[in-house]
Amino acid sequence: MGLELLDANNFKETISNASLPVIVDFYADWCGPCKRLSPLLEEIATENKDKVKVYKVNTDQNPDLAMEFQVMGIPNVVSFKDGKMYKRVVGVAPKAELMDLIN
């Protein structure tokens, strides 16, 4: 399946127009922990498609977005509600902790 990628061109519009809470995974292709987290986020997206939208942002390709949201380490998963940053989880986290981003 794969999660939809956001970049500097579509990030703000996608987040501000979202009718559901949004989870954004800030990651890099070379990051081992990011690769371990990705299937879990895809599972959350599939199981909760009427409750949350899940996207990915490649920090190597979008350093300005990473800087804007103070992404110092990856994986860095940030939730947004009503277009505003809500909660953050840094590192590989269990599913329950990731689900807490939207609850």
PDB file of N, CA and C in Angstrom:
ATOM      1  N   MET A   1       0.846  -1.194   0.000  1.00  0.00           N
ATOM      2  CA  MET A   1       0.000   0.000   0.000  1.00  0.00           C
ATOM      3  C   MET A   1       0.882   1.245   0.000  1.00  0.00           C
ATOM      4  N   GLY A   2       1.553   1.521   1.065  1.00  0.00           N
ATOM      5  CA  GLY A   2       2.381   2.725   1.136  1.00  0.00           C
ATOM      6  C   GLY A   2       1.557   3.944   1.505  1.00  0.00           C
ATOM      7  N   LEU A   3       2.110   4.762   2.338  1.00  0.00           N
ATOM      8  CA  LEU A   3       1.421   5.976   2.773  1.00  0.00           C
ATOM      9  C   LEU A   3       1.730   7.116   1.816  1.00  0.00           C
ATOM     10  N   GLU A   4       0.782   8.028   1.681  1.00  0.00           N
ATOM     11  CA  GLU A   4       0.968   9.175   0.801  1.00  0.00           C
ATOM     12  C   GLU A   4       2.054  10.094   1.344  1.00  0.00           C
ATOM     13  N   LEU A   5       2.905  10.561   0.441  1.00  0.00           N
ATOM     14  CA  LEU A   5       3.986  11.470   0.817  1.00  0.00           C
ATOM     15  C   LEU A   5       3.518  12.917   0.736  1.00  0.00           C
ATOM     16  N   LEU A   6       3.920  13.699   1.702  1.00  0.00           N
ATOM     17  CA  LEU A   6       3.687  15.140   1.663  1.00  0.00           C
ATOM     18  C   LEU A   6       5.035  15.825   1.472  1.00  0.00           C
ATOM     19  N   ASP A   7       4.983  17.017   0.871  1.00  0.00           N
ATOM     20  CA  ASP A   7       6.192  17.814   0.712  1.00  0.00           C
ATOM     21  C   ASP A   7       5.842  19.283   0.929  1.00  0.00           C
ATOM     22  N   ALA A   8       6.816  20.140   0.715  1.00  0.00           N
ATOM     23  CA  ALA A   8       6.604  21.572   0.961  1.00  0.00           C
ATOM     24  C   ALA A   8       5.469  22.140   0.113  1.00  0.00           C
ATOM     25  N   ASN A   9       5.194  21.528  -1.036  1.00  0.00           N
ATOM     26  CA  ASN A   9       4.151  22.043  -1.929  1.00  0.00           C
ATOM     27  C   ASN A   9       2.733  21.726  -1.469  1.00  0.00           C
ATOM     28  N   ASN A  10       2.547  20.600  -0.800  1.00  0.00           N
ATOM     29  CA  ASN A  10       1.176  20.199  -0.449  1.00  0.00           C
ATOM     30  C   ASN A  10       0.937  20.022   1.046  1.00  0.00           C
ATOM     31  N   PHE A  11       1.960  20.212   1.878  1.00  0.00           N
ATOM     32  CA  PHE A  11       1.842  19.939   3.312  1.00  0.00           C
ATOM     33  C   PHE A  11       0.778  20.807   3.983  1.00  0.00           C
ATOM     34  N   LYS A  12       0.955  22.126   3.923  1.00  0.00           N
ATOM     35  CA  LYS A  12       0.050  23.024   4.656  1.00  0.00           C
ATOM     36  C   LYS A  12      -1.397  22.876   4.208  1.00  0.00           C
ATOM     37  N   GLU A  13      -1.609  22.786   2.897  1.00  0.00           N
ATOM     38  CA  GLU A  13      -2.969  22.647   2.378  1.00  0.00           C
ATOM     39  C   GLU A  13      -3.603  21.334   2.832  1.00  0.00           C
ATOM     40  N   THR A  14      -2.836  20.249   2.763  1.00  0.00           N
ATOM     41  CA  THR A  14      -3.357  18.939   3.174  1.00  0.00           C
ATOM     42  C   THR A  14      -3.723  18.940   4.652  1.00  0.00           C
ATOM     43  N   ILE A  15      -2.842  19.467   5.498  1.00  0.00           N
ATOM     44  CA  ILE A  15      -3.081  19.478   6.947  1.00  0.00           C
ATOM     45  C   ILE A  15      -4.258  20.389   7.296  1.00  0.00           C
ATOM     46  N   SER A  16      -4.298  21.580   6.723  1.00  0.00           N
ATOM     47  CA  SER A  16      -5.349  22.533   7.099  1.00  0.00           C
ATOM     48  C   SER A  16      -6.716  22.142   6.540  1.00  0.00           C
ATOM     49  N   ASN A  17      -6.755  21.387   5.442  1.00  0.00           N
ATOM     50  CA  ASN A  17      -8.041  20.994   4.854  1.00  0.00           C
ATOM     51  C   ASN A  17      -8.525  19.622   5.316  1.00  0.00           C
ATOM     52  N   ALA A  18      -7.760  18.960   6.162  1.00  0.00           N
ATOM     53  CA  ALA A  18      -8.118  17.605   6.597  1.00  0.00           C
ATOM     54  C   ALA A  18      -9.367  17.628   7.469  1.00  0.00           C
ATOM     55  N   SER A  19     -10.303  16.744   7.140  1.00  0.00           N
ATOM     56  CA  SER A  19     -11.527  16.653   7.942  1.00  0.00           C
ATOM     57  C   SER A  19     -11.338  15.721   9.139  1.00  0.00           C
ATOM     58  N   LEU A  20     -10.271  14.942   9.125  1.00  0.00           N
ATOM     59  CA  LEU A  20      -9.947  14.019  10.211  1.00  0.00           C
ATOM     60  C   LEU A  20      -8.633  14.440  10.852  1.00  0.00           C
ATOM     61  N   PRO A  21      -8.344  13.954  12.072  1.00  0.00           N
ATOM     62  CA  PRO A  21      -7.005  14.166  12.627  1.00  0.00           C
ATOM     63  C   PRO A  21      -5.969  13.568  11.676  1.00  0.00           C
ATOM     64  N   VAL A  22      -4.763  14.115  11.701  1.00  0.00           N
ATOM     65  CA  VAL A  22      -3.697  13.697  10.794  1.00  0.00           C
ATOM     66  C   VAL A  22      -2.473  13.284  11.606  1.00  0.00           C
ATOM     67  N   ILE A  23      -1.831  12.195  11.183  1.00  0.00           N
ATOM     68  CA  ILE A  23      -0.543  11.777  11.731  1.00  0.00           C
ATOM     69  C   ILE A  23       0.470  11.897  10.604  1.00  0.00           C
ATOM     70  N   VAL A  24       1.589  12.555  10.886  1.00  0.00           N
ATOM     71  CA  VAL A  24       2.658  12.698   9.895  1.00  0.00           C
ATOM     72  C   VAL A  24       3.924  12.045  10.439  1.00  0.00           C
ATOM     73  N   ASP A  25       4.463  11.129   9.657  1.00  0.00           N
ATOM     74  CA  ASP A  25       5.705  10.444   9.989  1.00  0.00           C
ATOM     75  C   ASP A  25       6.851  11.159   9.278  1.00  0.00           C
ATOM     76  N   PHE A  26       7.672  11.881  10.045  1.00  0.00           N
ATOM     77  CA  PHE A  26       8.881  12.490   9.492  1.00  0.00           C
ATOM     78  C   PHE A  26       9.963  11.413   9.532  1.00  0.00           C
ATOM     79  N   TYR A  27      10.504  11.057   8.357  1.00  0.00           N
ATOM     80  CA  TYR A  27      11.413   9.915   8.256  1.00  0.00           C
ATOM     81  C   TYR A  27      12.506  10.201   7.218  1.00  0.00           C
ATOM     82  N   ALA A  28      13.449   9.258   7.088  1.00  0.00           N
ATOM     83  CA  ALA A  28      14.444   9.276   6.017  1.00  0.00           C
ATOM     84  C   ALA A  28      14.624   7.852   5.512  1.00  0.00           C
ATOM     85  N   ASP A  29      14.927   7.714   4.222  1.00  0.00           N
ATOM     86  CA  ASP A  29      15.072   6.383   3.620  1.00  0.00           C
ATOM     87  C   ASP A  29      16.185   5.563   4.261  1.00  0.00           C
ATOM     88  N   TRP A  30      17.238   6.208   4.759  1.00  0.00           N
ATOM     89  CA  TRP A  30      18.389   5.504   5.325  1.00  0.00           C
ATOM     90  C   TRP A  30      18.197   5.113   6.785  1.00  0.00           C
ATOM     91  N   CYS A  31      17.101   5.518   7.388  1.00  0.00           N
ATOM     92  CA  CYS A  31      16.865   5.351   8.828  1.00  0.00           C
ATOM     93  C   CYS A  31      16.253   3.980   9.135  1.00  0.00           C
ATOM     94  N   GLY A  32      17.028   3.112   9.814  1.00  0.00           N
ATOM     95  CA  GLY A  32      16.551   1.779  10.179  1.00  0.00           C
ATOM     96  C   GLY A  32      15.295   1.790  11.049  1.00  0.00           C
ATOM     97  N   PRO A  33      15.281   2.566  12.146  1.00  0.00           N
ATOM     98  CA  PRO A  33      14.072   2.624  12.978  1.00  0.00           C
ATOM     99  C   PRO A  33      12.843   3.123  12.195  1.00  0.00           C
ATOM    100  N   CYS A  34      13.068   4.025  11.244  1.00  0.00           N
ATOM    101  CA  CYS A  34      11.952   4.520  10.417  1.00  0.00           C
ATOM    102  C   CYS A  34      11.346   3.378   9.607  1.00  0.00           C
ATOM    103  N   LYS A  35      12.215   2.507   9.082  1.00  0.00           N
ATOM    104  CA  LYS A  35      11.747   1.363   8.295  1.00  0.00           C
ATOM    105  C   LYS A  35      10.963   0.389   9.158  1.00  0.00           C
ATOM    106  N   ARG A  36      11.358   0.246  10.422  1.00  0.00           N
ATOM    107  CA  ARG A  36      10.620  -0.642  11.336  1.00  0.00           C
ATOM    108  C   ARG A  36       9.269  -0.058  11.708  1.00  0.00           C
ATOM    109  N   LEU A  37       9.180   1.261  11.789  1.00  0.00           N
ATOM    110  CA  LEU A  37       7.940   1.924  12.193  1.00  0.00           C
ATOM    111  C   LEU A  37       6.915   1.982  11.061  1.00  0.00           C
ATOM    112  N   SER A  38       7.371   2.047   9.839  1.00  0.00           N
ATOM    113  CA  SER A  38       6.498   2.259   8.689  1.00  0.00           C
ATOM    114  C   SER A  38       5.338   1.250   8.576  1.00  0.00           C
ATOM    115  N   PRO A  39       5.584  -0.078   8.692  1.00  0.00           N
ATOM    116  CA  PRO A  39       4.460  -1.022   8.590  1.00  0.00           C
ATOM    117  C   PRO A  39       3.408  -0.806   9.683  1.00  0.00           C
ATOM    118  N   LEU A  40       3.850  -0.419  10.862  1.00  0.00           N
ATOM    119  CA  LEU A  40       2.919  -0.162  11.963  1.00  0.00           C
ATOM    120  C   LEU A  40       2.020   1.034  11.640  1.00  0.00           C
ATOM    121  N   LEU A  41       2.602   2.084  11.072  1.00  0.00           N
ATOM    122  CA  LEU A  41       1.810   3.252  10.690  1.00  0.00           C
ATOM    123  C   LEU A  41       0.842   2.917   9.554  1.00  0.00           C
ATOM    124  N   GLU A  42       1.265   2.065   8.624  1.00  0.00           N
ATOM    125  CA  GLU A  42       0.368   1.633   7.540  1.00  0.00           C
ATOM    126  C   GLU A  42      -0.800   0.837   8.126  1.00  0.00           C
ATOM    127  N   GLU A  43      -0.505   0.004   9.117  1.00  0.00           N
ATOM    128  CA  GLU A  43      -1.549  -0.783   9.786  1.00  0.00           C
ATOM    129  C   GLU A  43      -2.558   0.154  10.476  1.00  0.00           C
ATOM    130  N   ILE A  44      -2.051   1.160  11.180  1.00  0.00           N
ATOM    131  CA  ILE A  44      -2.924   2.131  11.848  1.00  0.00           C
ATOM    132  C   ILE A  44      -3.784   2.860  10.813  1.00  0.00           C
ATOM    133  N   ALA A  45      -3.181   3.253   9.695  1.00  0.00           N
ATOM    134  CA  ALA A  45      -3.921   3.963   8.644  1.00  0.00           C
ATOM    135  C   ALA A  45      -5.038   3.090   8.078  1.00  0.00           C
ATOM    136  N   THR A  46      -4.747   1.810   7.844  1.00  0.00           N
ATOM    137  CA  THR A  46      -5.733   0.889   7.274  1.00  0.00           C
ATOM    138  C   THR A  46      -6.862   0.603   8.265  1.00  0.00           C
ATOM    139  N   GLU A  47      -6.507   0.325   9.514  1.00  0.00           N
ATOM    140  CA  GLU A  47      -7.502  -0.051  10.527  1.00  0.00           C
ATOM    141  C   GLU A  47      -8.363   1.133  10.973  1.00  0.00           C
ATOM    142  N   ASN A  48      -7.875   2.359  10.797  1.00  0.00           N
ATOM    143  CA  ASN A  48      -8.575   3.539  11.320  1.00  0.00           C
ATOM    144  C   ASN A  48      -8.861   4.563  10.231  1.00  0.00           C
ATOM    145  N   LYS A  49      -9.147   4.081   8.998  1.00  0.00           N
ATOM    146  CA  LYS A  49      -9.270   5.012   7.879  1.00  0.00           C
ATOM    147  C   LYS A  49     -10.411   6.012   8.032  1.00  0.00           C
ATOM    148  N   ASP A  50     -11.421   5.718   8.873  1.00  0.00           N
ATOM    149  CA  ASP A  50     -12.481   6.717   9.090  1.00  0.00           C
ATOM    150  C   ASP A  50     -12.182   7.615  10.283  1.00  0.00           C
ATOM    151  N   LYS A  51     -11.037   7.392  10.967  1.00  0.00           N
ATOM    152  CA  LYS A  51     -10.707   8.189  12.154  1.00  0.00           C
ATOM    153  C   LYS A  51      -9.482   9.072  11.977  1.00  0.00           C
ATOM    154  N   VAL A  52      -8.571   8.696  11.065  1.00  0.00           N
ATOM    155  CA  VAL A  52      -7.299   9.418  10.953  1.00  0.00           C
ATOM    156  C   VAL A  52      -6.723   9.261   9.546  1.00  0.00           C
ATOM    157  N   LYS A  53      -5.986  10.265   9.110  1.00  0.00           N
ATOM    158  CA  LYS A  53      -5.219  10.198   7.870  1.00  0.00           C
ATOM    159  C   LYS A  53      -3.747  10.142   8.273  1.00  0.00           C
ATOM    160  N   VAL A  54      -2.973   9.264   7.641  1.00  0.00           N
ATOM    161  CA  VAL A  54      -1.560   9.114   7.964  1.00  0.00           C
ATOM    162  C   VAL A  54      -0.735   9.429   6.713  1.00  0.00           C
ATOM    163  N   TYR A  55       0.239  10.296   6.885  1.00  0.00           N
ATOM    164  CA  TYR A  55       1.113  10.711   5.783  1.00  0.00           C
ATOM    165  C   TYR A  55       2.566  10.564   6.217  1.00  0.00           C
ATOM    166  N   LYS A  56       3.481  10.695   5.235  1.00  0.00           N
ATOM    167  CA  LYS A  56       4.921  10.645   5.493  1.00  0.00           C
ATOM    168  C   LYS A  56       5.571  11.885   4.887  1.00  0.00           C
ATOM    169  N   VAL A  57       6.634  12.361   5.541  1.00  0.00           N
ATOM    170  CA  VAL A  57       7.456  13.450   5.008  1.00  0.00           C
ATOM    171  C   VAL A  57       8.911  12.996   5.067  1.00  0.00           C
ATOM    172  N   ASN A  58       9.569  12.964   3.914  1.00  0.00           N
ATOM    173  CA  ASN A  58      10.975  12.615   3.845  1.00  0.00           C
ATOM    174  C   ASN A  58      11.786  13.842   4.272  1.00  0.00           C
ATOM    175  N   THR A  59      12.477  13.734   5.402  1.00  0.00           N
ATOM    176  CA  THR A  59      13.196  14.896   5.945  1.00  0.00           C
ATOM    177  C   THR A  59      14.405  15.287   5.096  1.00  0.00           C
ATOM    178  N   ASP A  60      14.981  14.329   4.369  1.00  0.00           N
ATOM    179  CA  ASP A  60      16.109  14.662   3.491  1.00  0.00           C
ATOM    180  C   ASP A  60      15.639  15.527   2.317  1.00  0.00           C
ATOM    181  N   GLN A  61      14.449  15.247   1.816  1.00  0.00           N
ATOM    182  CA  GLN A  61      13.914  15.994   0.672  1.00  0.00           C
ATOM    183  C   GLN A  61      13.172  17.258   1.101  1.00  0.00           C
ATOM    184  N   ASN A  62      12.812  17.346   2.376  1.00  0.00           N
ATOM    185  CA  ASN A  62      12.036  18.484   2.888  1.00  0.00           C
ATOM    186  C   ASN A  62      12.631  19.020   4.184  1.00  0.00           C
ATOM    187  N   PRO A  63      13.880  19.476   4.153  1.00  0.00           N
ATOM    188  CA  PRO A  63      14.527  19.942   5.387  1.00  0.00           C
ATOM    189  C   PRO A  63      13.833  21.150   6.006  1.00  0.00           C
ATOM    190  N   ASP A  64      13.200  21.990   5.190  1.00  0.00           N
ATOM    191  CA  ASP A  64      12.504  23.160   5.737  1.00  0.00           C
ATOM    192  C   ASP A  64      11.299  22.746   6.577  1.00  0.00           C
ATOM    193  N   LEU A  65      10.561  21.731   6.127  1.00  0.00           N
ATOM    194  CA  LEU A  65       9.425  21.233   6.918  1.00  0.00           C
ATOM    195  C   LEU A  65       9.923  20.614   8.215  1.00  0.00           C
ATOM    196  N   ALA A  66      11.004  19.851   8.132  1.00  0.00           N
ATOM    197  CA  ALA A  66      11.567  19.229   9.339  1.00  0.00           C
ATOM    198  C   ALA A  66      11.976  20.305  10.338  1.00  0.00           C
ATOM    199  N   MET A  67      12.579  21.371   9.839  1.00  0.00           N
ATOM    200  CA  MET A  67      13.009  22.454  10.720  1.00  0.00           C
ATOM    201  C   MET A  67      11.798  23.185  11.311  1.00  0.00           C
ATOM    202  N   GLU A  68      10.797  23.440  10.482  1.00  0.00           N
ATOM    203  CA  GLU A  68       9.598  24.157  10.941  1.00  0.00           C
ATOM    204  C   GLU A  68       8.913  23.414  12.099  1.00  0.00           C
ATOM    205  N   PHE A  69       8.912  22.079  12.027  1.00  0.00           N
ATOM    206  CA  PHE A  69       8.246  21.294  13.076  1.00  0.00           C
ATOM    207  C   PHE A  69       9.236  20.725  14.086  1.00  0.00           C
ATOM    208  N   GLN A  70      10.426  21.312  14.131  1.00  0.00           N
ATOM    209  CA  GLN A  70      11.452  20.997  15.130  1.00  0.00           C
ATOM    210  C   GLN A  70      11.744  19.502  15.220  1.00  0.00           C
ATOM    211  N   VAL A  71      11.904  18.888  14.062  1.00  0.00           N
ATOM    212  CA  VAL A  71      12.250  17.479  13.994  1.00  0.00           C
ATOM    213  C   VAL A  71      13.760  17.368  14.183  1.00  0.00           C
ATOM    214  N   MET A  72      14.166  16.944  15.375  1.00  0.00           N
ATOM    215  CA  MET A  72      15.589  16.830  15.702  1.00  0.00           C
ATOM    216  C   MET A  72      16.085  15.398  15.535  1.00  0.00           C
ATOM    217  N   GLY A  73      15.199  14.435  15.710  1.00  0.00           N
ATOM    218  CA  GLY A  73      15.537  13.027  15.559  1.00  0.00           C
ATOM    219  C   GLY A  73      14.423  12.330  14.812  1.00  0.00           C
ATOM    220  N   ILE A  74      14.766  11.234  14.126  1.00  0.00           N
ATOM    221  CA  ILE A  74      13.746  10.490  13.392  1.00  0.00           C
ATOM    222  C   ILE A  74      13.823   9.017  13.789  1.00  0.00           C
ATOM    223  N   PRO A  75      12.720   8.276  13.690  1.00  0.00           N
ATOM    224  CA  PRO A  75      11.407   8.749  13.258  1.00  0.00           C
ATOM    225  C   PRO A  75      10.802   9.718  14.271  1.00  0.00           C
ATOM    226  N   ASN A  76      10.015  10.621  13.726  1.00  0.00           N
ATOM    227  CA  ASN A  76       9.371  11.655  14.525  1.00  0.00           C
ATOM    228  C   ASN A  76       7.936  11.735  14.019  1.00  0.00           C
ATOM    229  N   VAL A  77       6.999  11.267  14.815  1.00  0.00           N
ATOM    230  CA  VAL A  77       5.607  11.173  14.385  1.00  0.00           C
ATOM    231  C   VAL A  77       4.813  12.265  15.091  1.00  0.00           C
ATOM    232  N   VAL A  78       4.181  13.117  14.291  1.00  0.00           N
ATOM    233  CA  VAL A  78       3.479  14.287  14.823  1.00  0.00           C
ATOM    234  C   VAL A  78       2.012  14.194  14.431  1.00  0.00           C
ATOM    235  N   SER A  79       1.132  14.487  15.379  1.00  0.00           N
ATOM    236  CA  SER A  79      -0.297  14.513  15.049  1.00  0.00           C
ATOM    237  C   SER A  79      -0.780  15.956  14.963  1.00  0.00           C
ATOM    238  N   PHE A  80      -1.773  16.150  14.124  1.00  0.00           N
ATOM    239  CA  PHE A  80      -2.387  17.462  13.910  1.00  0.00           C
ATOM    240  C   PHE A  80      -3.888  17.319  14.045  1.00  0.00           C
ATOM    241  N   LYS A  81      -4.496  18.275  14.743  1.00  0.00           N
ATOM    242  CA  LYS A  81      -5.958  18.353  14.828  1.00  0.00           C
ATOM    243  C   LYS A  81      -6.348  19.766  14.462  1.00  0.00           C
ATOM    244  N   ASP A  82      -7.347  19.896  13.612  1.00  0.00           N
ATOM    245  CA  ASP A  82      -7.818  21.210  13.151  1.00  0.00           C
ATOM    246  C   ASP A  82      -6.658  22.037  12.597  1.00  0.00           C
ATOM    247  N   GLY A  83      -5.731  21.382  11.899  1.00  0.00           N
ATOM    248  CA  GLY A  83      -4.628  22.075  11.249  1.00  0.00           C
ATOM    249  C   GLY A  83      -3.491  22.488  12.168  1.00  0.00           C
ATOM    250  N   LYS A  84      -3.581  22.154  13.461  1.00  0.00           N
ATOM    251  CA  LYS A  84      -2.547  22.573  14.416  1.00  0.00           C
ATOM    252  C   LYS A  84      -1.835  21.345  15.003  1.00  0.00           C
ATOM    253  N   MET A  85      -0.531  21.505  15.257  1.00  0.00           N
ATOM    254  CA  MET A  85       0.234  20.425  15.860  1.00  0.00           C
ATOM    255  C   MET A  85      -0.355  20.090  17.225  1.00  0.00           C
ATOM    256  N   TYR A  86      -0.515  18.796  17.502  1.00  0.00           N
ATOM    257  CA  TYR A  86      -1.197  18.353  18.703  1.00  0.00           C
ATOM    258  C   TYR A  86      -0.257  17.590  19.636  1.00  0.00           C
ATOM    259  N   LYS A  87       0.298  16.477  19.177  1.00  0.00           N
ATOM    260  CA  LYS A  87       1.188  15.647  19.991  1.00  0.00           C
ATOM    261  C   LYS A  87       2.319  15.115  19.126  1.00  0.00           C
ATOM    262  N   ARG A  88       3.373  14.595  19.795  1.00  0.00           N
ATOM    263  CA  ARG A  88       4.535  14.077  19.070  1.00  0.00           C
ATOM    264  C   ARG A  88       5.083  12.842  19.783  1.00  0.00           C
ATOM    265  N   VAL A  89       5.571  11.890  18.992  1.00  0.00           N
ATOM    266  CA  VAL A  89       6.278  10.719  19.502  1.00  0.00           C
ATOM    267  C   VAL A  89       7.578  10.616  18.716  1.00  0.00           C
ATOM    268  N   VAL A  90       8.713  10.550  19.429  1.00  0.00           N
ATOM    269  CA  VAL A  90      10.017  10.439  18.778  1.00  0.00           C
ATOM    270  C   VAL A  90      10.546   9.025  18.990  1.00  0.00           C
ATOM    271  N   GLY A  91      11.032   8.411  17.918  1.00  0.00           N
ATOM    272  CA  GLY A  91      11.566   7.059  17.993  1.00  0.00           C
ATOM    273  C   GLY A  91      10.499   6.028  17.673  1.00  0.00           C
ATOM    274  N   VAL A  92      10.905   4.774  17.699  1.00  0.00           N
ATOM    275  CA  VAL A  92       9.967   3.681  17.437  1.00  0.00           C
ATOM    276  C   VAL A  92       9.121   3.500  18.686  1.00  0.00           C
ATOM    277  N   ALA A  93       7.812   3.554  18.507  1.00  0.00           N
ATOM    278  CA  ALA A  93       6.893   3.458  19.643  1.00  0.00           C
ATOM    279  C   ALA A  93       5.905   2.320  19.411  1.00  0.00           C
ATOM    280  N   PRO A  94       5.357   1.760  20.494  1.00  0.00           N
ATOM    281  CA  PRO A  94       4.341   0.724  20.332  1.00  0.00           C
ATOM    282  C   PRO A  94       3.048   1.316  19.757  1.00  0.00           C
ATOM    283  N   LYS A  95       2.242   0.450  19.201  1.00  0.00           N
ATOM    284  CA  LYS A  95       1.001   0.870  18.545  1.00  0.00           C
ATOM    285  C   LYS A  95       0.117   1.702  19.474  1.00  0.00           C
ATOM    286  N   ALA A  96      -0.001   1.282  20.730  1.00  0.00           N
ATOM    287  CA  ALA A  96      -0.862   2.010  21.679  1.00  0.00           C
ATOM    288  C   ALA A  96      -0.420   3.463  21.836  1.00  0.00           C
ATOM    289  N   GLU A  97       0.882   3.665  21.899  1.00  0.00           N
ATOM    290  CA  GLU A  97       1.403   5.036  22.049  1.00  0.00           C
ATOM    291  C   GLU A  97       1.133   5.854  20.778  1.00  0.00           C
ATOM    292  N   LEU A  98       1.240   5.228  19.626  1.00  0.00           N
ATOM    293  CA  LEU A  98       0.942   5.917  18.365  1.00  0.00           C
ATOM    294  C   LEU A  98      -0.550   6.243  18.268  1.00  0.00           C
ATOM    295  N   MET A  99      -1.400   5.309  18.722  1.00  0.00           N
ATOM    296  CA  MET A  99      -2.855   5.560  18.701  1.00  0.00           C
ATOM    297  C   MET A  99      -3.207   6.713  19.647  1.00  0.00           C
ATOM    298  N   ASP A 100      -2.432   6.873  20.706  1.00  0.00           N
ATOM    299  CA  ASP A 100      -2.659   7.964  21.651  1.00  0.00           C
ATOM    300  C   ASP A 100      -2.480   9.328  20.985  1.00  0.00           C
ATOM    301  N   LEU A 101      -1.772   9.371  19.872  1.00  0.00           N
ATOM    302  CA  LEU A 101      -1.599  10.636  19.145  1.00  0.00           C
ATOM    303  C   LEU A 101      -2.927  11.194  18.653  1.00  0.00           C
ATOM    304  N   ILE A 102      -3.903  10.308  18.431  1.00  0.00           N
ATOM    305  CA  ILE A 102      -5.192  10.773  17.890  1.00  0.00           C
ATOM    306  C   ILE A 102      -6.316  10.727  18.907  1.00  0.00           C
ATOM    307  N   ASN A 103      -6.053  10.179  20.069  1.00  0.00           N
ATOM    308  CA  ASN A 103      -7.119  10.079  21.080  1.00  0.00           C
ATOM    309  C   ASN A 103      -7.103  11.255  22.039  1.00  0.00           C
TER     310      ASN A 103
END
